[in-house]
N, C-alpha and C. Protein backbone atom coordinates (compact mmCIF):
# COMPACT_ATOMS: atom_id res chain seq x y z
N GLN A 1 100.46 75.80 91.21
CA GLN A 1 101.66 75.52 90.44
C GLN A 1 102.75 76.50 90.87
N ILE A 2 103.92 75.98 91.16
CA ILE A 2 105.03 76.81 91.63
C ILE A 2 106.02 77.01 90.50
N MET A 3 106.36 78.27 90.28
CA MET A 3 107.31 78.59 89.23
C MET A 3 108.72 78.56 89.80
N LYS A 4 109.60 77.82 89.18
CA LYS A 4 110.99 77.76 89.66
C LYS A 4 111.70 79.05 89.31
N GLN A 5 112.37 79.63 90.31
CA GLN A 5 113.09 80.88 90.10
C GLN A 5 114.37 80.60 89.32
N VAL A 6 114.67 81.50 88.37
CA VAL A 6 115.93 81.36 87.64
C VAL A 6 117.07 81.88 88.51
N PRO A 7 118.26 81.29 88.39
CA PRO A 7 119.38 81.78 89.20
C PRO A 7 119.71 83.23 88.85
N VAL A 8 120.11 83.99 89.85
CA VAL A 8 120.42 85.40 89.61
C VAL A 8 121.93 85.58 89.44
N ARG A 9 122.26 86.50 88.55
CA ARG A 9 123.67 86.85 88.34
C ARG A 9 123.77 88.36 88.33
N PHE A 10 124.74 88.87 89.03
CA PHE A 10 124.95 90.32 89.03
C PHE A 10 126.21 90.64 88.24
N ASP A 11 126.27 91.87 87.76
CA ASP A 11 127.40 92.33 86.97
C ASP A 11 128.38 93.05 87.89
N LEU A 12 129.54 92.44 88.09
CA LEU A 12 130.56 93.01 88.98
C LEU A 12 130.98 94.41 88.57
N LYS A 13 131.09 94.62 87.26
CA LYS A 13 131.63 95.89 86.77
C LYS A 13 130.71 97.08 87.04
N THR A 14 129.40 96.83 87.07
CA THR A 14 128.48 97.96 87.25
C THR A 14 127.90 98.05 88.66
N LEU A 15 128.36 97.18 89.54
CA LEU A 15 127.90 97.25 90.92
C LEU A 15 128.73 98.30 91.65
N HIS A 16 128.05 99.28 92.24
CA HIS A 16 128.76 100.43 92.82
C HIS A 16 129.13 100.23 94.29
N ILE A 17 129.25 98.99 94.69
CA ILE A 17 129.70 98.67 96.05
C ILE A 17 130.71 97.53 95.95
N PRO A 18 131.53 97.34 96.97
CA PRO A 18 132.43 96.17 96.94
C PRO A 18 131.60 94.88 96.99
N THR A 19 131.98 93.90 96.18
CA THR A 19 131.21 92.65 96.13
C THR A 19 131.80 91.63 97.08
N TYR A 20 131.49 91.82 98.35
CA TYR A 20 131.98 90.88 99.36
C TYR A 20 131.19 89.59 99.27
N SER A 21 131.86 88.49 99.59
CA SER A 21 131.17 87.21 99.66
C SER A 21 130.32 87.19 100.93
N ALA A 22 129.39 86.24 100.98
CA ALA A 22 128.54 86.10 102.17
C ALA A 22 129.41 85.81 103.40
N GLU A 23 130.45 85.00 103.22
CA GLU A 23 131.34 84.65 104.35
C GLU A 23 132.05 85.90 104.88
N LYS A 24 132.52 86.75 103.96
CA LYS A 24 133.19 87.99 104.36
C LYS A 24 132.20 88.91 105.09
N LEU A 25 130.98 89.02 104.56
CA LEU A 25 129.97 89.88 105.19
C LEU A 25 129.61 89.39 106.59
N SER A 26 129.53 88.08 106.75
CA SER A 26 129.15 87.54 108.06
C SER A 26 130.22 87.79 109.11
N SER A 27 131.48 87.97 108.68
CA SER A 27 132.56 88.22 109.65
C SER A 27 132.83 89.71 109.85
N MET A 28 132.19 90.57 109.06
CA MET A 28 132.42 92.01 109.18
C MET A 28 131.89 92.55 110.50
N LYS A 29 132.62 93.50 111.06
CA LYS A 29 132.22 94.10 112.34
C LYS A 29 132.24 95.62 112.23
N GLY A 30 131.58 96.25 113.16
CA GLY A 30 131.67 97.70 113.37
C GLY A 30 131.57 98.55 112.15
N MET A 31 132.59 99.40 111.96
CA MET A 31 132.57 100.41 110.89
C MET A 31 132.50 99.80 109.50
N ASP A 32 133.21 98.68 109.28
CA ASP A 32 133.20 98.06 107.96
C ASP A 32 131.77 97.64 107.57
N TRP A 33 131.09 96.98 108.50
CA TRP A 33 129.70 96.54 108.26
C TRP A 33 128.80 97.75 108.05
N ASN A 34 128.93 98.76 108.92
CA ASN A 34 128.10 99.96 108.81
C ASN A 34 128.33 100.69 107.50
N ASP A 35 129.58 100.78 107.07
CA ASP A 35 129.90 101.44 105.79
C ASP A 35 129.26 100.69 104.62
N PHE A 36 129.41 99.37 104.64
CA PHE A 36 128.82 98.55 103.58
C PHE A 36 127.30 98.75 103.53
N LEU A 37 126.67 98.66 104.70
CA LEU A 37 125.22 98.79 104.80
C LEU A 37 124.75 100.18 104.34
N GLN A 38 125.50 101.20 104.72
CA GLN A 38 125.17 102.57 104.34
C GLN A 38 125.21 102.75 102.82
N ARG A 39 126.21 102.16 102.20
CA ARG A 39 126.33 102.26 100.74
C ARG A 39 125.18 101.53 100.03
N VAL A 40 124.85 100.35 100.54
CA VAL A 40 123.74 99.59 99.95
C VAL A 40 122.44 100.38 100.08
N CYS A 41 122.19 100.91 101.28
CA CYS A 41 120.94 101.64 101.53
C CYS A 41 120.84 102.90 100.69
N SER A 42 121.95 103.64 100.56
CA SER A 42 121.87 104.88 99.78
C SER A 42 121.69 104.60 98.29
N LEU A 43 122.28 103.51 97.80
CA LEU A 43 122.06 103.13 96.39
C LEU A 43 120.61 102.74 96.14
N LEU A 44 120.04 101.96 97.06
CA LEU A 44 118.65 101.54 96.90
C LEU A 44 117.68 102.70 97.06
N ASP A 45 118.03 103.63 97.91
CA ASP A 45 117.14 104.73 98.25
C ASP A 45 117.22 105.89 97.25
N SER A 46 118.15 105.82 96.29
CA SER A 46 118.30 106.93 95.34
C SER A 46 117.03 107.06 94.50
N THR A 47 116.68 108.31 94.17
CA THR A 47 115.39 108.55 93.53
C THR A 47 115.48 109.00 92.08
N GLU A 48 116.68 109.00 91.51
CA GLU A 48 116.78 109.39 90.09
C GLU A 48 115.94 108.44 89.24
N LYS A 49 115.29 109.02 88.23
CA LYS A 49 114.32 108.23 87.47
C LYS A 49 114.85 107.75 86.11
N ASN A 50 116.16 107.77 85.90
CA ASN A 50 116.66 107.32 84.59
C ASN A 50 116.88 105.81 84.56
N THR A 51 117.05 105.28 83.37
CA THR A 51 117.18 103.82 83.22
C THR A 51 118.46 103.29 83.84
N GLY A 52 119.51 104.11 83.86
CA GLY A 52 120.77 103.69 84.49
C GLY A 52 120.60 103.42 85.97
N THR A 53 119.83 104.28 86.64
CA THR A 53 119.57 104.09 88.07
C THR A 53 118.78 102.80 88.31
N ALA A 54 117.76 102.59 87.48
CA ALA A 54 116.96 101.37 87.61
C ALA A 54 117.83 100.13 87.40
N ARG A 55 118.71 100.19 86.40
CA ARG A 55 119.60 99.06 86.13
C ARG A 55 120.56 98.82 87.30
N SER A 56 121.08 99.91 87.89
CA SER A 56 121.98 99.79 89.04
C SER A 56 121.26 99.17 90.23
N LYS A 57 120.01 99.60 90.46
CA LYS A 57 119.23 99.03 91.57
C LYS A 57 118.98 97.54 91.35
N LEU A 58 118.61 97.18 90.13
CA LEU A 58 118.37 95.77 89.83
C LEU A 58 119.64 94.95 90.05
N ASN A 59 120.76 95.46 89.61
CA ASN A 59 122.03 94.76 89.77
C ASN A 59 122.35 94.58 91.26
N LEU A 60 122.11 95.62 92.05
CA LEU A 60 122.32 95.54 93.50
C LEU A 60 121.39 94.51 94.12
N LEU A 61 120.14 94.48 93.68
CA LEU A 61 119.17 93.50 94.21
C LEU A 61 119.58 92.07 93.84
N TYR A 62 120.13 91.89 92.64
CA TYR A 62 120.65 90.57 92.25
C TYR A 62 121.77 90.15 93.20
N TYR A 63 122.65 91.09 93.50
CA TYR A 63 123.75 90.80 94.44
C TYR A 63 123.18 90.43 95.82
N LEU A 64 122.21 91.19 96.30
CA LEU A 64 121.61 90.90 97.61
C LEU A 64 120.96 89.52 97.63
N CYS A 65 120.37 89.11 96.50
CA CYS A 65 119.79 87.75 96.41
C CYS A 65 120.85 86.69 96.64
N THR A 66 122.06 86.93 96.14
CA THR A 66 123.11 85.92 96.26
C THR A 66 123.66 85.83 97.69
N VAL A 67 123.69 86.94 98.43
CA VAL A 67 124.22 86.88 99.80
C VAL A 67 123.13 86.60 100.84
N ALA A 68 121.87 86.81 100.47
CA ALA A 68 120.76 86.62 101.42
C ALA A 68 120.51 85.14 101.74
N VAL A 69 121.14 84.23 101.02
CA VAL A 69 120.94 82.80 101.28
C VAL A 69 121.85 82.31 102.41
N HIS A 70 122.71 83.16 102.90
CA HIS A 70 123.60 82.83 104.02
C HIS A 70 122.89 83.21 105.32
N LYS A 71 122.71 82.24 106.23
CA LYS A 71 121.89 82.46 107.43
C LYS A 71 122.31 83.68 108.25
N GLU A 72 123.59 83.81 108.51
CA GLU A 72 124.03 84.92 109.35
C GLU A 72 123.86 86.26 108.67
N VAL A 73 124.16 86.30 107.37
CA VAL A 73 123.99 87.55 106.60
C VAL A 73 122.52 87.92 106.53
N ALA A 74 121.66 86.93 106.27
CA ALA A 74 120.22 87.18 106.21
C ALA A 74 119.71 87.74 107.54
N SER A 75 120.17 87.17 108.65
CA SER A 75 119.74 87.63 109.98
C SER A 75 120.19 89.06 110.24
N ARG A 76 121.41 89.38 109.82
CA ARG A 76 121.92 90.74 110.03
C ARG A 76 121.20 91.74 109.13
N LEU A 77 120.95 91.36 107.88
CA LEU A 77 120.31 92.28 106.94
C LEU A 77 118.85 92.54 107.29
N ILE A 78 118.12 91.50 107.71
CA ILE A 78 116.70 91.69 108.02
C ILE A 78 116.52 92.58 109.25
N SER A 79 117.52 92.57 110.14
CA SER A 79 117.45 93.36 111.36
C SER A 79 118.06 94.75 111.21
N SER A 80 118.53 95.06 110.00
CA SER A 80 119.22 96.34 109.78
C SER A 80 118.27 97.38 109.18
N GLN A 81 118.82 98.55 108.91
CA GLN A 81 118.03 99.62 108.29
C GLN A 81 117.71 99.31 106.83
N LEU A 82 118.27 98.23 106.28
CA LEU A 82 117.98 97.83 104.90
C LEU A 82 116.53 97.38 104.75
N PHE A 83 116.00 96.66 105.73
CA PHE A 83 114.66 96.09 105.59
C PHE A 83 113.58 97.15 105.39
N PRO A 84 113.55 98.23 106.19
CA PRO A 84 112.57 99.30 105.92
C PRO A 84 112.74 99.94 104.54
N ILE A 85 113.98 100.01 104.05
CA ILE A 85 114.21 100.59 102.71
C ILE A 85 113.68 99.63 101.63
N LEU A 86 113.82 98.33 101.86
CA LEU A 86 113.24 97.36 100.92
C LEU A 86 111.72 97.52 100.87
N ILE A 87 111.10 97.69 102.03
CA ILE A 87 109.65 97.88 102.08
C ILE A 87 109.26 99.15 101.31
N GLN A 88 110.03 100.20 101.53
CA GLN A 88 109.76 101.48 100.86
C GLN A 88 109.90 101.33 99.34
N GLN A 89 110.89 100.57 98.89
CA GLN A 89 111.07 100.33 97.45
C GLN A 89 109.93 99.48 96.89
N LEU A 90 109.46 98.54 97.67
CA LEU A 90 108.33 97.70 97.26
C LEU A 90 107.09 98.57 97.07
N ARG A 91 106.95 99.57 97.91
CA ARG A 91 105.79 100.47 97.85
C ARG A 91 105.93 101.49 96.72
N ALA A 92 107.12 102.05 96.53
CA ALA A 92 107.25 103.26 95.71
C ALA A 92 107.93 103.08 94.37
N ALA A 93 108.64 102.00 94.15
CA ALA A 93 109.38 101.87 92.89
C ALA A 93 108.43 101.89 91.70
N ALA A 94 108.75 102.71 90.72
CA ALA A 94 107.91 102.81 89.53
C ALA A 94 108.08 101.58 88.64
N ASN A 95 109.24 100.97 88.72
CA ASN A 95 109.60 99.85 87.87
C ASN A 95 109.19 98.53 88.55
N TRP A 96 108.34 97.74 87.88
CA TRP A 96 107.87 96.49 88.48
C TRP A 96 108.97 95.43 88.54
N ASP A 97 109.98 95.53 87.69
CA ASP A 97 111.11 94.61 87.80
C ASP A 97 111.81 94.80 89.14
N ILE A 98 111.96 96.06 89.54
CA ILE A 98 112.59 96.35 90.84
C ILE A 98 111.71 95.84 91.97
N ARG A 99 110.42 96.07 91.89
CA ARG A 99 109.51 95.57 92.93
C ARG A 99 109.58 94.05 93.05
N ALA A 100 109.63 93.37 91.90
CA ALA A 100 109.70 91.91 91.91
C ALA A 100 110.99 91.43 92.57
N LYS A 101 112.11 92.07 92.26
CA LYS A 101 113.38 91.67 92.86
C LYS A 101 113.44 92.02 94.34
N VAL A 102 112.84 93.16 94.72
CA VAL A 102 112.76 93.51 96.15
C VAL A 102 111.97 92.43 96.89
N ALA A 103 110.85 92.01 96.32
CA ALA A 103 110.05 90.95 96.93
C ALA A 103 110.87 89.67 97.07
N ARG A 104 111.67 89.37 96.06
CA ARG A 104 112.51 88.17 96.12
C ARG A 104 113.54 88.27 97.24
N VAL A 105 114.18 89.46 97.38
CA VAL A 105 115.15 89.66 98.46
C VAL A 105 114.46 89.49 99.82
N ILE A 106 113.28 90.10 99.97
CA ILE A 106 112.54 89.98 101.23
C ILE A 106 112.22 88.52 101.53
N GLY A 107 111.77 87.79 100.52
CA GLY A 107 111.46 86.37 100.69
C GLY A 107 112.68 85.56 101.08
N LEU A 108 113.82 85.83 100.44
CA LEU A 108 115.05 85.11 100.77
C LEU A 108 115.53 85.44 102.19
N LEU A 109 115.42 86.71 102.57
CA LEU A 109 115.81 87.08 103.93
C LEU A 109 114.94 86.35 104.95
N ALA A 110 113.62 86.32 104.68
CA ALA A 110 112.70 85.64 105.60
C ALA A 110 112.99 84.14 105.66
N LEU A 111 113.30 83.54 104.52
CA LEU A 111 113.57 82.10 104.46
C LEU A 111 114.84 81.73 105.21
N HIS A 112 115.89 82.55 105.08
CA HIS A 112 117.20 82.16 105.59
C HIS A 112 117.57 82.76 106.94
N THR A 113 116.79 83.71 107.44
CA THR A 113 117.15 84.30 108.73
C THR A 113 116.98 83.28 109.85
N SER A 114 117.89 83.31 110.79
CA SER A 114 117.81 82.35 111.88
C SER A 114 117.18 82.96 113.13
N GLU A 115 117.08 84.28 113.16
CA GLU A 115 116.48 84.93 114.32
C GLU A 115 115.85 86.25 113.90
N LEU A 116 114.64 86.49 114.37
CA LEU A 116 113.90 87.69 114.01
C LEU A 116 113.80 88.61 115.22
N GLY A 117 114.34 89.82 115.09
CA GLY A 117 114.24 90.80 116.17
C GLY A 117 112.84 91.39 116.23
N GLU A 118 112.43 91.79 117.42
CA GLU A 118 111.07 92.30 117.58
C GLU A 118 110.85 93.65 116.90
N ASN A 119 111.93 94.35 116.60
CA ASN A 119 111.78 95.67 115.97
C ASN A 119 111.74 95.60 114.44
N VAL A 120 111.84 94.41 113.87
CA VAL A 120 111.80 94.26 112.41
C VAL A 120 110.35 94.44 111.94
N PRO A 121 110.10 95.37 111.01
CA PRO A 121 108.71 95.67 110.63
C PRO A 121 108.09 94.65 109.66
N VAL A 122 108.05 93.39 110.08
CA VAL A 122 107.51 92.35 109.21
C VAL A 122 106.02 92.55 108.96
N SER A 123 105.29 93.05 109.96
CA SER A 123 103.85 93.28 109.76
C SER A 123 103.61 94.28 108.63
N GLU A 124 104.44 95.33 108.59
CA GLU A 124 104.32 96.33 107.53
C GLU A 124 104.56 95.69 106.16
N ALA A 125 105.56 94.83 106.08
CA ALA A 125 105.86 94.15 104.82
C ALA A 125 104.70 93.24 104.41
N ILE A 126 104.11 92.54 105.37
CA ILE A 126 102.98 91.64 105.08
C ILE A 126 101.78 92.43 104.59
N ILE A 127 101.49 93.55 105.26
CA ILE A 127 100.35 94.40 104.86
C ILE A 127 100.55 94.90 103.43
N LEU A 128 101.76 95.37 103.13
CA LEU A 128 102.04 95.90 101.80
C LEU A 128 101.96 94.82 100.72
N LEU A 129 102.55 93.66 100.98
CA LEU A 129 102.48 92.56 100.01
C LEU A 129 101.03 92.15 99.77
N THR A 130 100.24 92.10 100.85
CA THR A 130 98.82 91.74 100.73
C THR A 130 98.10 92.75 99.84
N GLU A 131 98.34 94.04 100.08
CA GLU A 131 97.69 95.09 99.27
C GLU A 131 98.10 94.98 97.80
N LEU A 132 99.39 94.76 97.56
CA LEU A 132 99.86 94.68 96.17
C LEU A 132 99.28 93.47 95.45
N ILE A 133 99.16 92.35 96.15
CA ILE A 133 98.56 91.15 95.54
C ILE A 133 97.09 91.41 95.24
N ARG A 134 96.39 92.04 96.20
CA ARG A 134 94.96 92.31 96.01
C ARG A 134 94.74 93.27 94.84
N GLU A 135 95.57 94.33 94.76
CA GLU A 135 95.43 95.32 93.69
C GLU A 135 95.75 94.73 92.32
N ASN A 136 96.60 93.72 92.27
CA ASN A 136 97.04 93.13 91.00
C ASN A 136 96.59 91.69 90.88
N PHE A 137 95.40 91.40 91.41
CA PHE A 137 94.97 90.00 91.53
C PHE A 137 94.87 89.28 90.19
N ARG A 138 94.51 89.99 89.14
CA ARG A 138 94.35 89.34 87.83
C ARG A 138 95.68 89.17 87.10
N ASN A 139 96.75 89.73 87.65
CA ASN A 139 98.05 89.63 87.00
C ASN A 139 98.82 88.46 87.63
N SER A 140 98.73 87.30 87.01
CA SER A 140 99.32 86.10 87.61
C SER A 140 100.85 86.18 87.69
N LYS A 141 101.47 86.91 86.75
CA LYS A 141 102.93 87.02 86.78
C LYS A 141 103.38 87.80 88.02
N LEU A 142 102.68 88.88 88.33
CA LEU A 142 103.02 89.66 89.53
C LEU A 142 102.76 88.86 90.79
N LYS A 143 101.66 88.14 90.80
CA LYS A 143 101.35 87.31 91.97
C LYS A 143 102.45 86.28 92.22
N GLN A 144 102.99 85.72 91.14
CA GLN A 144 104.06 84.74 91.29
C GLN A 144 105.32 85.36 91.89
N CYS A 145 105.49 86.67 91.71
CA CYS A 145 106.64 87.38 92.30
C CYS A 145 106.39 87.71 93.77
N LEU A 146 105.15 88.05 94.10
CA LEU A 146 104.85 88.57 95.44
C LEU A 146 104.46 87.49 96.45
N LEU A 147 103.78 86.44 95.99
CA LEU A 147 103.30 85.40 96.91
C LEU A 147 104.40 84.68 97.69
N PRO A 148 105.53 84.32 97.06
CA PRO A 148 106.56 83.63 97.85
C PRO A 148 107.06 84.47 99.03
N ALA A 149 107.23 85.77 98.83
CA ALA A 149 107.70 86.63 99.92
C ALA A 149 106.67 86.67 101.05
N LEU A 150 105.39 86.79 100.68
CA LEU A 150 104.33 86.79 101.70
C LEU A 150 104.33 85.47 102.47
N GLY A 151 104.42 84.37 101.75
CA GLY A 151 104.43 83.05 102.40
C GLY A 151 105.62 82.87 103.33
N GLU A 152 106.80 83.31 102.90
CA GLU A 152 108.00 83.18 103.73
C GLU A 152 107.90 84.02 105.00
N LEU A 153 107.34 85.24 104.88
CA LEU A 153 107.18 86.09 106.07
C LEU A 153 106.19 85.48 107.06
N LEU A 154 105.08 84.94 106.53
CA LEU A 154 104.09 84.30 107.42
C LEU A 154 104.70 83.08 108.12
N TYR A 155 105.48 82.30 107.38
CA TYR A 155 106.13 81.13 107.97
C TYR A 155 107.15 81.54 109.02
N LEU A 156 107.91 82.61 108.73
CA LEU A 156 108.92 83.09 109.68
C LEU A 156 108.27 83.52 110.99
N ILE A 157 107.18 84.28 110.90
CA ILE A 157 106.48 84.72 112.11
C ILE A 157 105.95 83.52 112.88
N ALA A 158 105.32 82.57 112.17
CA ALA A 158 104.77 81.38 112.84
C ALA A 158 105.86 80.59 113.55
N SER A 159 107.01 80.41 112.89
CA SER A 159 108.08 79.62 113.52
C SER A 159 108.72 80.37 114.68
N GLU A 160 108.84 81.69 114.58
CA GLU A 160 109.38 82.48 115.70
C GLU A 160 108.45 82.42 116.91
N GLU A 161 107.15 82.53 116.65
CA GLU A 161 106.19 82.48 117.75
C GLU A 161 106.16 81.09 118.39
N GLU A 162 106.35 80.06 117.57
CA GLU A 162 106.40 78.69 118.11
C GLU A 162 107.63 78.51 119.00
N LYS A 163 108.78 79.08 118.54
CA LYS A 163 110.01 79.00 119.33
C LYS A 163 109.86 79.68 120.68
N ARG A 164 109.22 80.85 120.65
CA ARG A 164 109.10 81.65 121.88
C ARG A 164 107.91 81.24 122.74
N GLY A 165 107.02 80.46 122.17
CA GLY A 165 105.92 79.92 122.97
C GLY A 165 104.68 80.79 123.06
N HIS A 166 104.69 81.96 122.46
CA HIS A 166 103.47 82.79 122.48
C HIS A 166 103.54 83.83 121.36
N PRO A 167 102.36 84.33 120.90
CA PRO A 167 102.35 85.32 119.83
C PRO A 167 102.93 86.66 120.28
N ARG A 168 103.52 87.40 119.37
CA ARG A 168 104.08 88.72 119.66
C ARG A 168 103.17 89.79 119.09
N GLU A 169 102.94 90.82 119.89
CA GLU A 169 102.10 91.93 119.42
C GLU A 169 102.75 92.67 118.25
N CYS A 170 104.08 92.69 118.24
CA CYS A 170 104.78 93.44 117.19
C CYS A 170 104.70 92.75 115.83
N TRP A 171 104.26 91.49 115.78
CA TRP A 171 104.18 90.77 114.52
C TRP A 171 102.74 90.38 114.20
N VAL A 172 101.86 91.36 114.28
CA VAL A 172 100.45 91.09 114.01
C VAL A 172 100.27 90.83 112.52
N VAL A 173 99.58 89.74 112.21
CA VAL A 173 99.29 89.40 110.82
C VAL A 173 97.83 89.74 110.56
N PRO A 174 97.55 90.66 109.63
CA PRO A 174 96.15 91.00 109.35
C PRO A 174 95.42 89.82 108.72
N SER A 175 94.15 89.70 109.03
CA SER A 175 93.37 88.58 108.49
C SER A 175 93.30 88.65 106.96
N ALA A 176 93.42 89.87 106.41
CA ALA A 176 93.39 90.03 104.95
C ALA A 176 94.51 89.24 104.28
N ALA A 177 95.65 89.09 104.97
CA ALA A 177 96.77 88.35 104.39
C ALA A 177 96.37 86.88 104.17
N TYR A 178 95.69 86.29 105.17
CA TYR A 178 95.26 84.90 105.03
C TYR A 178 94.16 84.78 103.97
N THR A 179 93.27 85.78 103.94
CA THR A 179 92.18 85.76 102.95
C THR A 179 92.75 85.78 101.53
N VAL A 180 93.70 86.70 101.28
CA VAL A 180 94.32 86.81 99.96
C VAL A 180 95.07 85.53 99.61
N LEU A 181 95.79 85.00 100.58
CA LEU A 181 96.55 83.77 100.35
C LEU A 181 95.62 82.61 99.99
N MET A 182 94.52 82.47 100.74
CA MET A 182 93.58 81.38 100.46
C MET A 182 92.90 81.56 99.11
N ARG A 183 92.58 82.82 98.78
CA ARG A 183 91.96 83.09 97.48
C ARG A 183 92.92 82.74 96.34
N CYS A 184 94.19 83.09 96.52
CA CYS A 184 95.19 82.74 95.50
C CYS A 184 95.31 81.23 95.35
N LEU A 185 95.31 80.53 96.47
CA LEU A 185 95.42 79.06 96.42
C LEU A 185 94.19 78.46 95.76
N ARG A 186 93.00 78.99 96.09
CA ARG A 186 91.76 78.48 95.51
C ARG A 186 91.71 78.71 94.01
N GLU A 187 92.10 79.91 93.59
CA GLU A 187 92.00 80.26 92.18
C GLU A 187 93.24 79.90 91.39
N GLY A 188 94.28 79.43 92.08
CA GLY A 188 95.54 79.13 91.42
C GLY A 188 95.43 78.09 90.34
N VAL A 189 94.67 77.03 90.62
CA VAL A 189 94.53 75.94 89.65
C VAL A 189 93.91 76.48 88.37
N ARG A 190 92.85 77.32 88.53
CA ARG A 190 92.18 77.88 87.37
C ARG A 190 93.10 78.82 86.60
N LEU A 191 93.89 79.60 87.32
CA LEU A 191 94.77 80.58 86.67
C LEU A 191 95.87 79.89 85.86
N PHE A 192 96.43 78.81 86.40
CA PHE A 192 97.60 78.23 85.76
C PHE A 192 97.29 77.13 84.77
N HIS A 193 96.04 76.68 84.68
CA HIS A 193 95.74 75.59 83.75
C HIS A 193 94.98 76.07 82.52
N ARG A 194 95.01 77.37 82.25
CA ARG A 194 94.32 77.89 81.06
C ARG A 194 95.15 77.64 79.83
């Protein structure tokens, strides 16, 4: 059973970066793009543990969800220094709301990107998502947040390898990812029909 995602809305007033449209971001060059990216990364990477920081991060992630549906923006973001920071937030964020939104951003980037660079650490993201799903296997709500991102990354790698005609060593998919995915699919009916 697939849960339909609710539309995301961000609060303009509390977002600590300029709220450029996806079209504006796709046309940005050089210093403007780097400045924007630097601000996004430093906001996401901040480690203060108060509720205001968590709320700011969530708001930023909501904004990223809205621009990640644009193919060119998704391709630029997934290939930037933002992607490793998203992985780090998925691993380290104390707040599961933040982890869930990070997973959603990763899934949207994977879904909408038109080209995957070989230096993008997708294997690391897949390994981490697999571990998180395995560790929280009995929590169906968390699985519903994490599984779409894992599925989109696996599909992205498969389609990139099909385009290029051969598998890439840099995008190794651990067998545990397929095992966890199949187990979720097998047990999904039982989990959702209780």
